[in-house]
Every structure is written in C-alpha cells, then in structure tokens.
Amino acid sequence: MSARADRTIRAPAAAALRFRPSRDEAPQVVARGRGEVAERILALAREHGVPVHEDADLLELLATCDLGDEIPPELYAVVAELLLYLYRLNGELAAAADARAA
C-alpha cells in the first residue's frame, strides 16, 4: 500500500455540535470535515476546553448533515446521552477545581 493511500485511510474526521437549550430545539452541526479540516476542528476544541468524544458511528451519521442543520431526530437519544455525560463531567471538574481552590 502506498504512503498516500495509507494517509487517506487514516485521515482524521471530526464534527462539532452546538446546543443552546434556551434557543435551539435540537443540537446543530456547526463544523465537520476530514483531514486538515478535522485536525483544525479538534485543535480549536482543545484550545477552548471543549470536550472531545470519539464515536466513529455517530461521526458517520453527522457527516451526512449540512452545516447549520439540526441533528436528525434519530440521533436525539444518542446525542442527549452524550450531552448529559459531558454536562456531568463539566460539573465534576468544576467541583474539583473549587475544592482545590478552597
């Protein structure tokens, strides 16, 4: 297998969602891409402290959405579980930071 083919197979992919409970009815796809675009999405997420979750199956489904689209209803339950996990994780991290500061 050539190096180029190997690089293509392993090209990273990423998608970013935004959900504003007071404004949005469902999470929206605000970024998606492969290769360098995916690397930039991931770098920006890390730079801004946005949690990154790896799920190849979910990513494949999100890749079918256009930018700005709400996620399809079929993904509500999966994304809701993920958001709940991330909200809990953020709460635990904030509580741990508060405890260290005290």
PDB file of N, CA and C in Angstrom:
ATOM      1  N   MET A   1       0.852  -1.174   0.000  1.00  0.00           N
ATOM      2  CA  MET A   1       0.000   0.000   0.000  1.00  0.00           C
ATOM      3  C   MET A   1       0.892   1.229   0.000  1.00  0.00           C
ATOM      4  N   SER A   2       0.567   2.205  -0.804  1.00  0.00           N
ATOM      5  CA  SER A   2       1.378   3.416  -0.872  1.00  0.00           C
ATOM      6  C   SER A   2       1.170   4.271   0.368  1.00  0.00           C
ATOM      7  N   ALA A   3       2.138   5.147   0.627  1.00  0.00           N
ATOM      8  CA  ALA A   3       2.026   6.050   1.777  1.00  0.00           C
ATOM      9  C   ALA A   3       0.817   6.958   1.618  1.00  0.00           C
ATOM     10  N   ARG A   4       0.547   7.380   0.382  1.00  0.00           N
ATOM     11  CA  ARG A   4      -0.596   8.264   0.154  1.00  0.00           C
ATOM     12  C   ARG A   4      -1.907   7.548   0.469  1.00  0.00           C
ATOM     13  N   ALA A   5      -2.061   6.317   0.013  1.00  0.00           N
ATOM     14  CA  ALA A   5      -3.279   5.549   0.294  1.00  0.00           C
ATOM     15  C   ALA A   5      -3.426   5.323   1.786  1.00  0.00           C
ATOM     16  N   ASP A   6      -2.333   5.009   2.455  1.00  0.00           N
ATOM     17  CA  ASP A   6      -2.370   4.808   3.897  1.00  0.00           C
ATOM     18  C   ASP A   6      -2.802   6.087   4.605  1.00  0.00           C
ATOM     19  N   ARG A   7      -2.293   7.221   4.160  1.00  0.00           N
ATOM     20  CA  ARG A   7      -2.635   8.503   4.763  1.00  0.00           C
ATOM     21  C   ARG A   7      -4.121   8.802   4.545  1.00  0.00           C
ATOM     22  N   THR A   8      -4.638   8.471   3.374  1.00  0.00           N
ATOM     23  CA  THR A   8      -6.046   8.714   3.077  1.00  0.00           C
ATOM     24  C   THR A   8      -6.939   7.875   3.981  1.00  0.00           C
ATOM     25  N   ILE A   9      -6.594   6.631   4.173  1.00  0.00           N
ATOM     26  CA  ILE A   9      -7.392   5.755   5.018  1.00  0.00           C
ATOM     27  C   ILE A   9      -7.417   6.262   6.454  1.00  0.00           C
ATOM     28  N   ARG A  10      -6.311   6.786   6.910  1.00  0.00           N
ATOM     29  CA  ARG A  10      -6.203   7.214   8.295  1.00  0.00           C
ATOM     30  C   ARG A  10      -6.531   8.687   8.512  1.00  0.00           C
ATOM     31  N   ALA A  11      -6.963   9.385   7.480  1.00  0.00           N
ATOM     32  CA  ALA A  11      -7.266  10.805   7.629  1.00  0.00           C
ATOM     33  C   ALA A  11      -8.308  10.986   8.727  1.00  0.00           C
ATOM     34  N   PRO A  12      -8.028  11.871   9.669  1.00  0.00           N
ATOM     35  CA  PRO A  12      -8.990  12.079  10.750  1.00  0.00           C
ATOM     36  C   PRO A  12     -10.271  12.730  10.231  1.00  0.00           C
ATOM     37  N   ALA A  13     -11.316  12.531  10.970  1.00  0.00           N
ATOM     38  CA  ALA A  13     -12.596  13.156  10.667  1.00  0.00           C
ATOM     39  C   ALA A  13     -13.142  13.715  11.971  1.00  0.00           C
ATOM     40  N   ALA A  14     -13.911  14.790  11.873  1.00  0.00           N
ATOM     41  CA  ALA A  14     -14.465  15.413  13.077  1.00  0.00           C
ATOM     42  C   ALA A  14     -15.748  16.154  12.733  1.00  0.00           C
ATOM     43  N   ALA A  15     -16.574  16.294  13.741  1.00  0.00           N
ATOM     44  CA  ALA A  15     -17.785  17.107  13.633  1.00  0.00           C
ATOM     45  C   ALA A  15     -17.955  17.826  14.959  1.00  0.00           C
ATOM     46  N   ALA A  16     -18.538  19.002  14.906  1.00  0.00           N
ATOM     47  CA  ALA A  16     -18.786  19.776  16.123  1.00  0.00           C
ATOM     48  C   ALA A  16     -20.266  20.123  16.188  1.00  0.00           C
ATOM     49  N   LEU A  17     -20.813  19.980  17.386  1.00  0.00           N
ATOM     50  CA  LEU A  17     -22.219  20.308  17.623  1.00  0.00           C
ATOM     51  C   LEU A  17     -22.317  21.499  18.558  1.00  0.00           C
ATOM     52  N   ARG A  18     -23.389  22.255  18.399  1.00  0.00           N
ATOM     53  CA  ARG A  18     -23.706  23.340  19.334  1.00  0.00           C
ATOM     54  C   ARG A  18     -25.143  23.132  19.779  1.00  0.00           C
ATOM     55  N   PHE A  19     -25.356  23.287  21.077  1.00  0.00           N
ATOM     56  CA  PHE A  19     -26.717  23.213  21.603  1.00  0.00           C
ATOM     57  C   PHE A  19     -26.882  24.280  22.666  1.00  0.00           C
ATOM     58  N   ARG A  20     -27.806  25.191  22.407  1.00  0.00           N
ATOM     59  CA  ARG A  20     -28.147  26.251  23.354  1.00  0.00           C
ATOM     60  C   ARG A  20     -29.581  25.985  23.799  1.00  0.00           C
ATOM     61  N   PRO A  21     -29.752  25.368  24.974  1.00  0.00           N
ATOM     62  CA  PRO A  21     -31.089  24.942  25.399  1.00  0.00           C
ATOM     63  C   PRO A  21     -32.147  26.040  25.341  1.00  0.00           C
ATOM     64  N   SER A  22     -31.774  27.269  25.617  1.00  0.00           N
ATOM     65  CA  SER A  22     -32.767  28.341  25.627  1.00  0.00           C
ATOM     66  C   SER A  22     -33.104  28.839  24.219  1.00  0.00           C
ATOM     67  N   ARG A  23     -32.316  28.457  23.219  1.00  0.00           N
ATOM     68  CA  ARG A  23     -32.534  28.967  21.866  1.00  0.00           C
ATOM     69  C   ARG A  23     -32.773  27.895  20.816  1.00  0.00           C
ATOM     70  N   ASP A  24     -32.193  26.721  21.008  1.00  0.00           N
ATOM     71  CA  ASP A  24     -32.242  25.686  19.978  1.00  0.00           C
ATOM     72  C   ASP A  24     -33.213  24.571  20.359  1.00  0.00           C
ATOM     73  N   GLU A  25     -33.924  24.069  19.360  1.00  0.00           N
ATOM     74  CA  GLU A  25     -34.798  22.921  19.599  1.00  0.00           C
ATOM     75  C   GLU A  25     -34.003  21.627  19.631  1.00  0.00           C
ATOM     76  N   ALA A  26     -32.897  21.597  18.911  1.00  0.00           N
ATOM     77  CA  ALA A  26     -32.035  20.410  18.850  1.00  0.00           C
ATOM     78  C   ALA A  26     -30.607  20.873  18.581  1.00  0.00           C
ATOM     79  N   PRO A  27     -29.629  20.039  18.907  1.00  0.00           N
ATOM     80  CA  PRO A  27     -28.242  20.395  18.596  1.00  0.00           C
ATOM     81  C   PRO A  27     -28.056  20.607  17.091  1.00  0.00           C
ATOM     82  N   GLN A  28     -27.151  21.512  16.754  1.00  0.00           N
ATOM     83  CA  GLN A  28     -26.849  21.819  15.361  1.00  0.00           C
ATOM     84  C   GLN A  28     -25.422  21.406  15.025  1.00  0.00           C
ATOM     85  N   VAL A  29     -25.222  20.995  13.789  1.00  0.00           N
ATOM     86  CA  VAL A  29     -23.882  20.705  13.290  1.00  0.00           C
ATOM     87  C   VAL A  29     -23.262  22.045  12.890  1.00  0.00           C
ATOM     88  N   VAL A  30     -22.206  22.446  13.586  1.00  0.00           N
ATOM     89  CA  VAL A  30     -21.586  23.743  13.305  1.00  0.00           C
ATOM     90  C   VAL A  30     -20.235  23.615  12.614  1.00  0.00           C
ATOM     91  N   ALA A  31     -19.687  22.413  12.563  1.00  0.00           N
ATOM     92  CA  ALA A  31     -18.444  22.170  11.826  1.00  0.00           C
ATOM     93  C   ALA A  31     -18.350  20.683  11.535  1.00  0.00           C
ATOM     94  N   ARG A  32     -17.741  20.359  10.413  1.00  0.00           N
ATOM     95  CA  ARG A  32     -17.465  18.964  10.092  1.00  0.00           C
ATOM     96  C   ARG A  32     -16.418  18.945   8.998  1.00  0.00           C
ATOM     97  N   GLY A  33     -15.619  17.908   9.003  1.00  0.00           N
ATOM     98  CA  GLY A  33     -14.609  17.812   7.960  1.00  0.00           C
ATOM     99  C   GLY A  33     -13.699  16.624   8.157  1.00  0.00           C
ATOM    100  N   ARG A  34     -12.815  16.453   7.201  1.00  0.00           N
ATOM    101  CA  ARG A  34     -11.831  15.367   7.221  1.00  0.00           C
ATOM    102  C   ARG A  34     -10.446  15.960   6.985  1.00  0.00           C
ATOM    103  N   GLY A  35      -9.444  15.202   7.335  1.00  0.00           N
ATOM    104  CA  GLY A  35      -8.073  15.625   7.084  1.00  0.00           C
ATOM    105  C   GLY A  35      -7.707  16.870   7.873  1.00  0.00           C
ATOM    106  N   GLU A  36      -7.150  17.851   7.171  1.00  0.00           N
ATOM    107  CA  GLU A  36      -6.692  19.072   7.832  1.00  0.00           C
ATOM    108  C   GLU A  36      -7.837  19.831   8.497  1.00  0.00           C
ATOM    109  N   VAL A  37      -9.012  19.813   7.882  1.00  0.00           N
ATOM    110  CA  VAL A  37     -10.166  20.494   8.485  1.00  0.00           C
ATOM    111  C   VAL A  37     -10.511  19.833   9.816  1.00  0.00           C
ATOM    112  N   ALA A  38     -10.517  18.520   9.851  1.00  0.00           N
ATOM    113  CA  ALA A  38     -10.801  17.793  11.095  1.00  0.00           C
ATOM    114  C   ALA A  38      -9.749  18.100  12.149  1.00  0.00           C
ATOM    115  N   GLU A  39      -8.491  18.126  11.740  1.00  0.00           N
ATOM    116  CA  GLU A  39      -7.421  18.442  12.685  1.00  0.00           C
ATOM    117  C   GLU A  39      -7.614  19.835  13.273  1.00  0.00           C
ATOM    118  N   ARG A  40      -8.054  20.780  12.455  1.00  0.00           N
ATOM    119  CA  ARG A  40      -8.291  22.155  12.935  1.00  0.00           C
ATOM    120  C   ARG A  40      -9.485  22.193  13.895  1.00  0.00           C
ATOM    121  N   ILE A  41     -10.544  21.463  13.575  1.00  0.00           N
ATOM    122  CA  ILE A  41     -11.706  21.394  14.468  1.00  0.00           C
ATOM    123  C   ILE A  41     -11.276  20.861  15.828  1.00  0.00           C
ATOM    124  N   LEU A  42     -10.511  19.780  15.832  1.00  0.00           N
ATOM    125  CA  LEU A  42     -10.056  19.181  17.089  1.00  0.00           C
ATOM    126  C   LEU A  42      -9.115  20.111  17.847  1.00  0.00           C
ATOM    127  N   ALA A  43      -8.220  20.784  17.134  1.00  0.00           N
ATOM    128  CA  ALA A  43      -7.294  21.715  17.785  1.00  0.00           C
ATOM    129  C   ALA A  43      -8.053  22.864  18.435  1.00  0.00           C
ATOM    130  N   LEU A  44      -9.036  23.413  17.743  1.00  0.00           N
ATOM    131  CA  LEU A  44      -9.835  24.507  18.309  1.00  0.00           C
ATOM    132  C   LEU A  44     -10.623  24.042  19.527  1.00  0.00           C
ATOM    133  N   ALA A  45     -11.162  22.840  19.456  1.00  0.00           N
ATOM    134  CA  ALA A  45     -11.902  22.309  20.604  1.00  0.00           C
ATOM    135  C   ALA A  45     -10.987  22.216  21.818  1.00  0.00           C
ATOM    136  N   ARG A  46      -9.824  21.645  21.632  1.00  0.00           N
ATOM    137  CA  ARG A  46      -8.886  21.505  22.757  1.00  0.00           C
ATOM    138  C   ARG A  46      -8.431  22.865  23.271  1.00  0.00           C
ATOM    139  N   GLU A  47      -8.162  23.778  22.349  1.00  0.00           N
ATOM    140  CA  GLU A  47      -7.713  25.125  22.715  1.00  0.00           C
ATOM    141  C   GLU A  47      -8.743  25.845  23.582  1.00  0.00           C
ATOM    142  N   HIS A  48     -10.009  25.594  23.322  1.00  0.00           N
ATOM    143  CA  HIS A  48     -11.087  26.275  24.051  1.00  0.00           C
ATOM    144  C   HIS A  48     -11.697  25.417  25.152  1.00  0.00           C
ATOM    145  N   GLY A  49     -11.068  24.293  25.451  1.00  0.00           N
ATOM    146  CA  GLY A  49     -11.548  23.451  26.542  1.00  0.00           C
ATOM    147  C   GLY A  49     -12.845  22.725  26.251  1.00  0.00           C
ATOM    148  N   VAL A  50     -13.151  22.535  24.990  1.00  0.00           N
ATOM    149  CA  VAL A  50     -14.370  21.823  24.602  1.00  0.00           C
ATOM    150  C   VAL A  50     -14.067  20.326  24.629  1.00  0.00           C
ATOM    151  N   PRO A  51     -14.868  19.555  25.343  1.00  0.00           N
ATOM    152  CA  PRO A  51     -14.623  18.110  25.393  1.00  0.00           C
ATOM    153  C   PRO A  51     -14.714  17.473  24.010  1.00  0.00           C
ATOM    154  N   VAL A  52     -13.865  16.501  23.779  1.00  0.00           N
ATOM    155  CA  VAL A  52     -13.851  15.766  22.516  1.00  0.00           C
ATOM    156  C   VAL A  52     -14.251  14.324  22.811  1.00  0.00           C
ATOM    157  N   HIS A  53     -15.211  13.829  22.052  1.00  0.00           N
ATOM    158  CA  HIS A  53     -15.702  12.456  22.225  1.00  0.00           C
ATOM    159  C   HIS A  53     -15.517  11.718  20.908  1.00  0.00           C
ATOM    160  N   GLU A  54     -14.959  10.534  20.958  1.00  0.00           N
ATOM    161  CA  GLU A  54     -14.746   9.743  19.746  1.00  0.00           C
ATOM    162  C   GLU A  54     -15.840   8.693  19.597  1.00  0.00           C
ATOM    163  N   ASP A  55     -16.536   8.742  18.469  1.00  0.00           N
ATOM    164  CA  ASP A  55     -17.571   7.764  18.152  1.00  0.00           C
ATOM    165  C   ASP A  55     -17.697   7.716  16.630  1.00  0.00           C
ATOM    166  N   ALA A  56     -17.050   6.748  16.019  1.00  0.00           N
ATOM    167  CA  ALA A  56     -17.000   6.659  14.559  1.00  0.00           C
ATOM    168  C   ALA A  56     -18.387   6.516  13.937  1.00  0.00           C
ATOM    169  N   ASP A  57     -19.270   5.764  14.575  1.00  0.00           N
ATOM    170  CA  ASP A  57     -20.617   5.576  14.023  1.00  0.00           C
ATOM    171  C   ASP A  57     -21.408   6.881  14.048  1.00  0.00           C
ATOM    172  N   LEU A  58     -21.341   7.591  15.168  1.00  0.00           N
ATOM    173  CA  LEU A  58     -22.038   8.876  15.266  1.00  0.00           C
ATOM    174  C   LEU A  58     -21.453   9.866  14.266  1.00  0.00           C
ATOM    175  N   LEU A  59     -20.147   9.892  14.149  1.00  0.00           N
ATOM    176  CA  LEU A  59     -19.494  10.793  13.205  1.00  0.00           C
ATOM    177  C   LEU A  59     -19.956  10.527  11.777  1.00  0.00           C
ATOM    178  N   GLU A  60     -20.069   9.266  11.421  1.00  0.00           N
ATOM    179  CA  GLU A  60     -20.527   8.911  10.076  1.00  0.00           C
ATOM    180  C   GLU A  60     -21.929   9.466   9.818  1.00  0.00           C
ATOM    181  N   LEU A  61     -22.799   9.392  10.808  1.00  0.00           N
ATOM    182  CA  LEU A  61     -24.158   9.918  10.653  1.00  0.00           C
ATOM    183  C   LEU A  61     -24.166  11.443  10.613  1.00  0.00           C
ATOM    184  N   LEU A  62     -23.343  12.077  11.442  1.00  0.00           N
ATOM    185  CA  LEU A  62     -23.284  13.540  11.449  1.00  0.00           C
ATOM    186  C   LEU A  62     -22.699  14.078  10.147  1.00  0.00           C
ATOM    187  N   ALA A  63     -21.848  13.302   9.509  1.00  0.00           N
ATOM    188  CA  ALA A  63     -21.229  13.734   8.255  1.00  0.00           C
ATOM    189  C   ALA A  63     -22.257  13.901   7.142  1.00  0.00           C
ATOM    190  N   THR A  64     -23.438  13.321   7.298  1.00  0.00           N
ATOM    191  CA  THR A  64     -24.484  13.458   6.282  1.00  0.00           C
ATOM    192  C   THR A  64     -25.284  14.745   6.457  1.00  0.00           C
ATOM    193  N   CYS A  65     -25.079  15.436   7.567  1.00  0.00           N
ATOM    194  CA  CYS A  65     -25.804  16.679   7.841  1.00  0.00           C
ATOM    195  C   CYS A  65     -25.075  17.863   7.218  1.00  0.00           C
ATOM    196  N   ASP A  66     -25.837  18.841   6.772  1.00  0.00           N
ATOM    197  CA  ASP A  66     -25.244  20.084   6.295  1.00  0.00           C
ATOM    198  C   ASP A  66     -24.917  20.973   7.482  1.00  0.00           C
ATOM    199  N   LEU A  67     -23.957  21.872   7.292  1.00  0.00           N
ATOM    200  CA  LEU A  67     -23.623  22.820   8.351  1.00  0.00           C
ATOM    201  C   LEU A  67     -24.845  23.669   8.678  1.00  0.00           C
ATOM    202  N   GLY A  68     -25.081  23.856   9.958  1.00  0.00           N
ATOM    203  CA  GLY A  68     -26.226  24.631  10.412  1.00  0.00           C
ATOM    204  C   GLY A  68     -27.484  23.810  10.603  1.00  0.00           C
ATOM    205  N   ASP A  69     -27.482  22.581  10.101  1.00  0.00           N
ATOM    206  CA  ASP A  69     -28.646  21.705  10.268  1.00  0.00           C
ATOM    207  C   ASP A  69     -28.750  21.225  11.706  1.00  0.00           C
ATOM    208  N   GLU A  70     -29.982  21.067  12.158  1.00  0.00           N
ATOM    209  CA  GLU A  70     -30.194  20.362  13.416  1.00  0.00           C
ATOM    210  C   GLU A  70     -29.936  18.885  13.160  1.00  0.00           C
ATOM    211  N   ILE A  71     -29.494  18.190  14.196  1.00  0.00           N
ATOM    212  CA  ILE A  71     -29.288  16.756  14.029  1.00  0.00           C
ATOM    213  C   ILE A  71     -30.642  16.104  13.750  1.00  0.00           C
ATOM    214  N   PRO A  72     -30.652  14.994  13.025  1.00  0.00           N
ATOM    215  CA  PRO A  72     -31.925  14.323  12.753  1.00  0.00           C
ATOM    216  C   PRO A  72     -32.500  13.698  14.024  1.00  0.00           C
ATOM    217  N   PRO A  73     -33.823  13.602  14.099  1.00  0.00           N
ATOM    218  CA  PRO A  73     -34.470  13.038  15.291  1.00  0.00           C
ATOM    219  C   PRO A  73     -33.944  11.662  15.684  1.00  0.00           C
ATOM    220  N   GLU A  74     -33.476  10.883  14.714  1.00  0.00           N
ATOM    221  CA  GLU A  74     -32.955   9.551  15.024  1.00  0.00           C
ATOM    222  C   GLU A  74     -31.728   9.612  15.938  1.00  0.00           C
ATOM    223  N   LEU A  75     -31.064  10.765  15.977  1.00  0.00           N
ATOM    224  CA  LEU A  75     -29.850  10.904  16.796  1.00  0.00           C
ATOM    225  C   LEU A  75     -30.112  11.578  18.139  1.00  0.00           C
ATOM    226  N   TYR A  76     -31.340  12.016  18.399  1.00  0.00           N
ATOM    227  CA  TYR A  76     -31.632  12.737  19.639  1.00  0.00           C
ATOM    228  C   TYR A  76     -31.193  11.959  20.876  1.00  0.00           C
ATOM    229  N   ALA A  77     -31.567  10.691  20.968  1.00  0.00           N
ATOM    230  CA  ALA A  77     -31.270   9.919  22.182  1.00  0.00           C
ATOM    231  C   ALA A  77     -29.768   9.754  22.377  1.00  0.00           C
ATOM    232  N   VAL A  78     -29.056   9.431  21.312  1.00  0.00           N
ATOM    233  CA  VAL A  78     -27.603   9.234  21.413  1.00  0.00           C
ATOM    234  C   VAL A  78     -26.911  10.528  21.822  1.00  0.00           C
ATOM    235  N   VAL A  79     -27.273  11.624  21.175  1.00  0.00           N
ATOM    236  CA  VAL A  79     -26.635  12.904  21.475  1.00  0.00           C
ATOM    237  C   VAL A  79     -27.055  13.399  22.857  1.00  0.00           C
ATOM    238  N   ALA A  80     -28.292  13.147  23.259  1.00  0.00           N
ATOM    239  CA  ALA A  80     -28.731  13.541  24.604  1.00  0.00           C
ATOM    240  C   ALA A  80     -27.904  12.826  25.668  1.00  0.00           C
ATOM    241  N   GLU A  81     -27.650  11.541  25.481  1.00  0.00           N
ATOM    242  CA  GLU A  81     -26.810  10.799  26.434  1.00  0.00           C
ATOM    243  C   GLU A  81     -25.404  11.377  26.486  1.00  0.00           C
ATOM    244  N   LEU A  82     -24.870  11.717  25.336  1.00  0.00           N
ATOM    245  CA  LEU A  82     -23.528  12.297  25.273  1.00  0.00           C
ATOM    246  C   LEU A  82     -23.492  13.656  25.965  1.00  0.00           C
ATOM    247  N   LEU A  83     -24.479  14.500  25.696  1.00  0.00           N
ATOM    248  CA  LEU A  83     -24.519  15.815  26.343  1.00  0.00           C
ATOM    249  C   LEU A  83     -24.669  15.689  27.852  1.00  0.00           C
ATOM    250  N   LEU A  84     -25.510  14.773  28.300  1.00  0.00           N
ATOM    251  CA  LEU A  84     -25.678  14.555  29.733  1.00  0.00           C
ATOM    252  C   LEU A  84     -24.353  14.150  30.369  1.00  0.00           C
ATOM    253  N   TYR A  85     -23.651  13.233  29.731  1.00  0.00           N
ATOM    254  CA  TYR A  85     -22.340  12.808  30.229  1.00  0.00           C
ATOM    255  C   TYR A  85     -21.383  14.003  30.308  1.00  0.00           C
ATOM    256  N   LEU A  86     -21.349  14.822  29.259  1.00  0.00           N
ATOM    257  CA  LEU A  86     -20.430  15.963  29.242  1.00  0.00           C
ATOM    258  C   LEU A  86     -20.818  17.014  30.274  1.00  0.00           C
ATOM    259  N   TYR A  87     -22.117  17.274  30.449  1.00  0.00           N
ATOM    260  CA  TYR A  87     -22.551  18.230  31.472  1.00  0.00           C
ATOM    261  C   TYR A  87     -22.156  17.741  32.860  1.00  0.00           C
ATOM    262  N   ARG A  88     -22.327  16.445  33.103  1.00  0.00           N
ATOM    263  CA  ARG A  88     -21.927  15.880  34.404  1.00  0.00           C
ATOM    264  C   ARG A  88     -20.423  15.981  34.592  1.00  0.00           C
ATOM    265  N   LEU A  89     -19.677  15.650  33.551  1.00  0.00           N
ATOM    266  CA  LEU A  89     -18.222  15.731  33.615  1.00  0.00           C
ATOM    267  C   LEU A  89     -17.777  17.158  33.908  1.00  0.00           C
ATOM    268  N   ASN A  90     -18.372  18.126  33.233  1.00  0.00           N
ATOM    269  CA  ASN A  90     -18.029  19.529  33.480  1.00  0.00           C
ATOM    270  C   ASN A  90     -18.352  19.925  34.910  1.00  0.00           C
ATOM    271  N   GLY A  91     -19.479  19.453  35.436  1.00  0.00           N
ATOM    272  CA  GLY A  91     -19.847  19.753  36.818  1.00  0.00           C
ATOM    273  C   GLY A  91     -18.862  19.156  37.801  1.00  0.00           C
ATOM    274  N   GLU A  92     -18.441  17.930  37.538  1.00  0.00           N
ATOM    275  CA  GLU A  92     -17.465  17.278  38.415  1.00  0.00           C
ATOM    276  C   GLU A  92     -16.119  17.985  38.347  1.00  0.00           C
ATOM    277  N   LEU A  93     -15.718  18.404  37.160  1.00  0.00           N
ATOM    278  CA  LEU A  93     -14.451  19.118  37.025  1.00  0.00           C
ATOM    279  C   LEU A  93     -14.508  20.464  37.730  1.00  0.00           C
ATOM    280  N   ALA A  94     -15.637  21.153  37.614  1.00  0.00           N
ATOM    281  CA  ALA A  94     -15.785  22.443  38.282  1.00  0.00           C
ATOM    282  C   ALA A  94     -15.767  22.268  39.792  1.00  0.00           C
ATOM    283  N   ALA A  95     -16.445  21.237  40.292  1.00  0.00           N
ATOM    284  CA  ALA A  95     -16.459  20.982  41.736  1.00  0.00           C
ATOM    285  C   ALA A  95     -15.057  20.646  42.236  1.00  0.00           C
ATOM    286  N   ALA A  96     -14.308  19.867  41.469  1.00  0.00           N
ATOM    287  CA  ALA A  96     -12.937  19.517  41.860  1.00  0.00           C
ATOM    288  C   ALA A  96     -12.049  20.756  41.869  1.00  0.00           C
ATOM    289  N   ALA A  97     -12.231  21.630  40.895  1.00  0.00           N
ATOM    290  CA  ALA A  97     -11.443  22.867  40.848  1.00  0.00           C
ATOM    291  C   ALA A  97     -11.786  23.760  42.031  1.00  0.00           C
ATOM    292  N   ASP A  98     -13.072  23.839  42.379  1.00  0.00           N
ATOM    293  CA  ASP A  98     -13.486  24.635  43.538  1.00  0.00           C
ATOM    294  C   ASP A  98     -12.886  24.073  44.818  1.00  0.00           C
ATOM    295  N   ALA A  99     -12.868  22.756  44.945  1.00  0.00           N
ATOM    296  CA  ALA A  99     -12.313  22.118  46.143  1.00  0.00           C
ATOM    297  C   ALA A  99     -10.818  22.391  46.256  1.00  0.00           C
ATOM    298  N   ARG A 100     -10.118  22.371  45.126  1.00  0.00           N
ATOM    299  CA  ARG A 100      -8.677  22.662  45.156  1.00  0.00           C
ATOM    300  C   ARG A 100      -8.419  24.117  45.514  1.00  0.00           C
ATOM    301  N   ALA A 101      -9.298  25.004  45.070  1.00  0.00           N
ATOM    302  CA  ALA A 101      -9.112  26.433  45.327  1.00  0.00           C
ATOM    303  C   ALA A 101      -9.419  26.788  46.775  1.00  0.00           C
ATOM    304  N   ALA A 102     -10.224  25.969  47.443  1.00  0.00           N
ATOM    305  CA  ALA A 102     -10.625  26.269  48.828  1.00  0.00           C
ATOM    306  C   ALA A 102      -9.531  25.963  49.817  1.00  0.00           C
TER     307      ALA A 102
END
